[in-house]
Protein backbone atom coordinates (compact mmCIF):
# COMPACT_ATOMS: atom_id res chain seq x y z
CA MET A 1 -24.73 35.34 -15.85
CA SER A 2 -22.15 37.40 -14.35
CA ASP A 3 -18.56 37.69 -15.89
CA GLN A 4 -17.52 35.91 -12.49
CA GLN A 5 -19.71 33.15 -12.87
CA MET A 6 -18.93 32.83 -16.70
CA SER A 7 -15.26 32.93 -14.97
CA LEU A 8 -16.14 30.11 -13.25
CA VAL A 9 -17.70 27.69 -15.13
CA GLU A 10 -14.55 28.45 -18.01
CA HIS A 11 -12.03 27.34 -15.26
CA LEU A 12 -14.09 24.35 -14.11
CA ALA A 13 -14.48 23.29 -18.13
CA ASP A 14 -10.79 23.65 -18.19
CA LEU A 15 -10.36 21.87 -15.18
CA ARG A 16 -12.47 18.63 -16.64
CA LYS A 17 -10.75 18.85 -20.12
CA ARG A 18 -7.41 18.20 -18.56
CA LEU A 19 -8.64 15.67 -16.11
CA ILE A 20 -10.29 13.56 -19.19
CA ALA A 21 -6.56 14.06 -21.11
CA THR A 22 -4.47 13.07 -17.60
CA MET A 23 -7.02 9.88 -17.92
CA VAL A 24 -6.27 9.37 -21.54
CA VAL A 25 -2.90 9.37 -20.95
CA PHE A 26 -2.80 7.19 -18.04
CA VAL A 27 -4.98 4.34 -19.95
CA LEU A 28 -3.13 4.69 -23.08
CA PHE A 29 0.23 4.22 -21.09
CA LEU A 30 -1.85 1.49 -18.83
CA ILE A 31 -2.43 -0.36 -22.00
CA LEU A 32 1.02 -0.19 -23.41
CA SER A 33 3.03 -1.32 -19.95
CA PHE A 34 0.77 -4.07 -19.71
CA VAL A 35 1.74 -5.29 -23.59
CA PHE A 36 5.59 -4.94 -22.18
CA VAL A 37 4.44 -6.23 -18.56
CA ASP A 38 6.74 -9.45 -18.89
CA ARG A 39 9.57 -7.18 -20.02
CA ILE A 40 9.11 -4.37 -17.04
CA PHE A 41 8.93 -7.70 -14.70
CA SER A 42 12.06 -9.00 -15.64
CA PHE A 43 13.78 -5.58 -15.30
CA LEU A 44 12.00 -5.07 -11.66
CA ARG A 45 13.36 -8.69 -10.88
CA SER A 46 16.75 -7.85 -11.72
CA ALA A 47 17.19 -5.58 -8.70
CA ALA A 48 17.42 -9.24 -6.55
CA ASP A 49 19.52 -12.16 -6.33
CA PRO A 50 18.36 -14.34 -9.57
CA GLY A 51 18.63 -17.24 -7.36
CA ILE A 52 15.78 -16.15 -5.02
CA ALA A 53 12.29 -17.41 -6.56
CA LEU A 54 9.15 -15.58 -6.23
CA THR A 55 5.64 -17.00 -5.54
CA VAL A 56 2.13 -16.39 -6.43
CA LEU A 57 -0.55 -18.16 -4.34
CA GLY A 58 -2.67 -18.94 -6.76
CA PRO A 59 -3.66 -18.18 -10.42
CA GLY A 60 -5.23 -14.71 -10.28
CA ASP A 61 -2.30 -13.63 -8.14
CA VAL A 62 -0.29 -13.41 -11.23
CA LEU A 63 -2.67 -11.03 -13.13
CA ARG A 64 -3.37 -8.95 -9.78
CA ILE A 65 0.95 -8.59 -9.80
CA TYR A 66 0.95 -7.97 -13.68
CA PHE A 67 -1.96 -5.03 -13.32
CA MET A 68 0.05 -3.73 -10.21
CA ILE A 69 3.14 -3.64 -12.21
CA ALA A 70 1.67 -1.96 -15.07
CA GLY A 71 -0.07 0.36 -13.15
CA LEU A 72 2.03 1.69 -11.22
CA THR A 73 4.69 2.18 -14.79
CA ALA A 74 1.65 4.01 -16.22
CA ILE A 75 1.51 6.49 -13.31
CA ALA A 76 5.10 7.32 -13.43
CA LEU A 77 4.95 7.80 -16.89
CA THR A 78 1.52 10.22 -16.60
CA VAL A 79 3.42 12.20 -13.88
CA PRO A 80 5.42 14.35 -16.53
CA PHE A 81 2.26 14.74 -18.45
CA ALA A 82 0.39 15.81 -15.54
CA LEU A 83 2.47 18.10 -13.79
CA TYR A 84 2.20 19.86 -17.29
CA GLN A 85 -1.54 20.05 -16.92
CA ILE A 86 -1.62 21.46 -13.56
CA TRP A 87 0.80 23.61 -14.48
CA ALA A 88 -0.87 25.34 -17.51
CA PHE A 89 -4.15 25.20 -15.55
CA VAL A 90 -2.77 27.54 -12.52
CA SER A 91 0.04 29.25 -14.82
CA PRO A 92 -2.68 32.37 -15.94
CA ALA A 93 -3.22 33.11 -12.36
CA LEU A 94 0.91 33.43 -11.46
CA THR A 95 2.74 36.07 -11.42
CA LYS A 96 5.72 36.63 -13.64
CA GLU A 97 8.05 36.35 -11.01
CA GLU A 98 5.63 33.41 -9.30
CA LYS A 99 5.84 31.40 -12.87
CA ASN A 100 9.61 32.35 -13.10
CA ILE A 101 10.05 30.70 -9.12
CA THR A 102 7.64 27.75 -10.24
CA LEU A 103 9.56 27.04 -13.16
CA ARG A 104 13.20 27.35 -11.27
CA TYR A 105 12.43 24.56 -9.09
CA ILE A 106 10.08 22.18 -10.73
CA PRO A 107 13.30 20.60 -13.11
CA SER A 108 15.21 20.00 -9.87
CA VAL A 109 12.39 18.68 -7.66
CA LEU A 110 11.88 15.85 -10.67
CA LEU A 111 15.69 15.65 -10.68
CA MET A 112 16.47 14.97 -6.66
CA PHE A 113 13.40 12.53 -6.86
CA LEU A 114 15.11 10.70 -9.89
CA LEU A 115 18.49 10.46 -8.28
CA GLY A 116 16.94 9.30 -4.85
CA VAL A 117 15.20 6.36 -6.50
CA LEU A 118 18.38 5.38 -8.37
CA PHE A 119 20.25 5.76 -5.22
CA ALA A 120 17.70 3.41 -3.73
CA TRP A 121 17.27 0.94 -6.90
CA TYR A 122 21.58 0.25 -7.06
CA ILE A 123 22.34 0.53 -3.76
CA VAL A 124 19.68 0.37 -0.63
CA PHE A 125 17.50 -2.09 -1.98
CA PRO A 126 19.60 -4.80 -3.13
CA MET A 127 21.88 -4.61 0.22
CA LEU A 128 18.88 -4.19 2.36
CA PHE A 129 16.57 -7.15 0.56
CA SER A 130 19.99 -9.39 0.34
CA PHE A 131 20.61 -8.80 4.31
CA LEU A 132 16.97 -9.50 5.11
CA ILE A 133 17.17 -12.62 3.25
CA LYS A 134 20.17 -14.19 4.46
CA LEU A 135 18.98 -13.17 8.28
CA GLY A 136 15.35 -14.85 7.49
CA SER A 137 16.70 -18.04 6.11
CA LYS A 138 18.24 -19.44 9.14
CA ASP A 139 15.77 -19.53 11.28
CA PHE A 140 12.79 -20.16 8.77
CA ASN A 141 12.20 -21.81 5.42
CA MET A 142 10.96 -18.13 3.89
CA MET A 143 8.34 -18.35 0.88
CA ILE A 144 8.79 -15.00 -0.87
CA THR A 145 5.67 -13.76 -2.63
CA ALA A 146 5.94 -11.35 -6.10
CA ALA A 147 3.72 -9.31 -3.88
CA ASN A 148 5.71 -9.07 -1.02
CA TYR A 149 8.72 -8.13 -3.02
CA PHE A 150 6.98 -5.46 -5.22
CA GLY A 151 5.64 -3.90 -2.29
CA PHE A 152 8.83 -4.06 0.14
CA MET A 153 10.84 -2.53 -3.11
CA THR A 154 8.18 0.40 -3.26
CA ASN A 155 8.36 1.41 0.13
CA ILE A 156 11.71 1.22 -0.03
CA ILE A 157 12.44 3.20 -3.58
CA VAL A 158 9.77 6.20 -3.03
CA PRO A 159 10.89 7.56 0.56
CA PHE A 160 14.12 7.51 -0.81
CA GLY A 161 13.28 9.97 -3.82
CA PHE A 162 11.12 12.03 -1.20
CA ILE A 163 14.35 12.07 1.22
CA PHE A 164 16.57 13.56 -1.66
CA GLU A 165 14.46 16.42 -1.89
CA MET A 166 15.84 17.99 0.74
CA PRO A 167 18.28 20.51 -0.74
CA VAL A 168 15.17 21.83 -3.11
CA VAL A 169 12.67 22.30 0.25
CA VAL A 170 15.62 23.72 2.41
CA LEU A 171 16.22 26.42 -0.61
CA PHE A 172 12.34 27.09 -0.96
CA LEU A 173 12.00 27.32 2.65
CA THR A 174 15.27 29.55 2.93
CA ARG A 175 13.92 31.87 0.21
CA ILE A 176 10.84 32.63 1.76
CA GLY A 177 12.48 33.55 4.89
CA MET A 178 11.69 30.36 7.36
CA ILE A 179 15.05 28.89 7.75
CA THR A 180 18.71 30.67 7.28
CA PRO A 181 21.70 28.36 6.81
CA ASP A 182 23.02 29.55 10.21
CA ARG A 183 20.21 27.66 11.90
CA LEU A 184 21.41 24.70 9.96
CA ILE A 185 24.74 24.70 11.06
CA LYS A 186 24.18 25.35 14.47
CA VAL A 187 21.99 22.39 14.66
CA ARG A 188 24.24 20.32 12.49
CA LYS A 189 25.59 17.84 14.60
CA TYR A 190 22.21 16.82 15.95
CA ALA A 191 21.24 16.74 11.97
CA TYR A 192 23.95 14.14 11.83
CA LEU A 193 23.34 12.13 14.38
CA VAL A 194 19.72 11.69 13.28
CA LEU A 195 20.50 11.26 9.65
CA VAL A 196 23.14 8.34 10.86
CA ILE A 197 20.61 6.74 12.76
CA ILE A 198 18.09 6.66 9.95
CA GLY A 199 20.47 5.37 7.88
CA SER A 200 21.54 2.66 10.39
CA MET A 201 18.07 2.07 10.69
CA ILE A 202 17.44 0.94 7.28
CA SER A 203 20.72 -0.48 6.27
CA PRO A 204 22.05 -4.01 7.32
CA PRO A 205 23.78 -4.28 10.52
CA GLU A 206 27.35 -3.94 8.75
CA PHE A 207 29.80 -1.02 8.73
CA VAL A 208 30.38 -0.84 4.69
CA SER A 209 26.02 -0.83 4.67
CA HIS A 210 25.84 1.99 7.08
CA ILE A 211 28.79 4.09 5.53
CA SER A 212 27.15 3.57 1.82
CA VAL A 213 23.72 4.77 2.95
CA SER A 214 24.65 7.55 6.01
CA ILE A 215 27.41 9.53 3.71
CA PRO A 216 25.20 9.92 1.01
CA MET A 217 22.33 11.12 3.34
CA VAL A 218 25.33 13.45 5.24
CA LEU A 219 26.30 14.76 1.91
CA LEU A 220 23.13 16.05 1.42
CA TYR A 221 22.57 18.04 4.65
CA GLU A 222 25.90 19.88 3.45
CA THR A 223 24.35 20.45 -0.05
CA SER A 224 21.14 21.83 1.62
CA ILE A 225 23.57 24.19 3.76
CA TRP A 226 24.93 25.27 0.91
CA VAL A 227 22.29 25.90 -1.40
CA ALA A 228 20.36 27.84 1.88
CA LYS A 229 23.45 30.22 1.77
CA TRP A 230 23.24 30.53 -1.92
CA GLY A 231 19.44 31.29 -1.89
CA TYR A 232 20.01 33.39 1.73
CA ARG A 233 22.78 35.82 -0.46
CA GLN A 234 20.03 35.53 -3.73
CA ARG A 235 16.97 36.85 -0.89
CA VAL A 236 19.13 39.85 0.83
CA ALA A 237 20.26 40.93 -2.29
CA ALA A 238 16.59 40.98 -3.63
CA ARG A 239 15.29 42.66 -0.06
CA THR A 240 18.52 45.60 -1.19
CA ALA A 241 17.38 46.34 -4.18
CA CYS A 242 13.94 46.27 -3.08
CA GLU A 243 14.69 48.82 -0.15
CA ALA A 244 16.67 50.84 -2.79
CA ILE A 245 13.64 51.53 -4.85
CA ASP A 246 11.18 51.56 -1.94
CA CYS A 247 8.77 48.30 -2.97
CA GLU A 248 7.31 46.02 -1.09
CA GLU A 249 9.75 44.43 1.68
CA MET A 250 9.91 40.23 0.31
């Protein structure tokens, strides 16, 4: 067996070991989450009006809902461990500079995702859920199942986690030369319009609600411009230093 084949076998064995470790951690968190599923349910339930009753359509639904809650909780708790395993697997193939860049971005990605989730949890979801309940109760005898409630919550909260990644994505694209701060400034008014429209679509038709959702999204864009300027200066400085020592263009 050649050295290359041996290396491939070793990599596959390492990957298998890390996948098994991740699955073991997930199963442990799943068991732990199911033990405390009633407390997790109460916490997630607290985001809506306590006077609103959640319905299940049969005894089997109770078990499915609990498994869904425990599963999502286990996934969320396993993500940091899984990210570490991915990093440990790919890092030997990265250069020192690539490792430094990756380590700088990972905390920012996790932090911004968490901020987006918290913003949606405390502001967007309660406002939107309450508005839709009031709107529907005028003309319909509304029955909210637990599956509807938690599915709607997930569909609102998770996308906001990704929306809040905007500054990190912009910084990355700036560092690799795909966008510039001037381009972001040039399209600022169009970006504002798009963000305000999105904010209006996902919030109740009330001025305060529109402002509560749209302003943070506009601030995210302004933050993206600021980090793009910083990233662009860093890129220019690195290129200048590289040219001074006659190295490859960055």
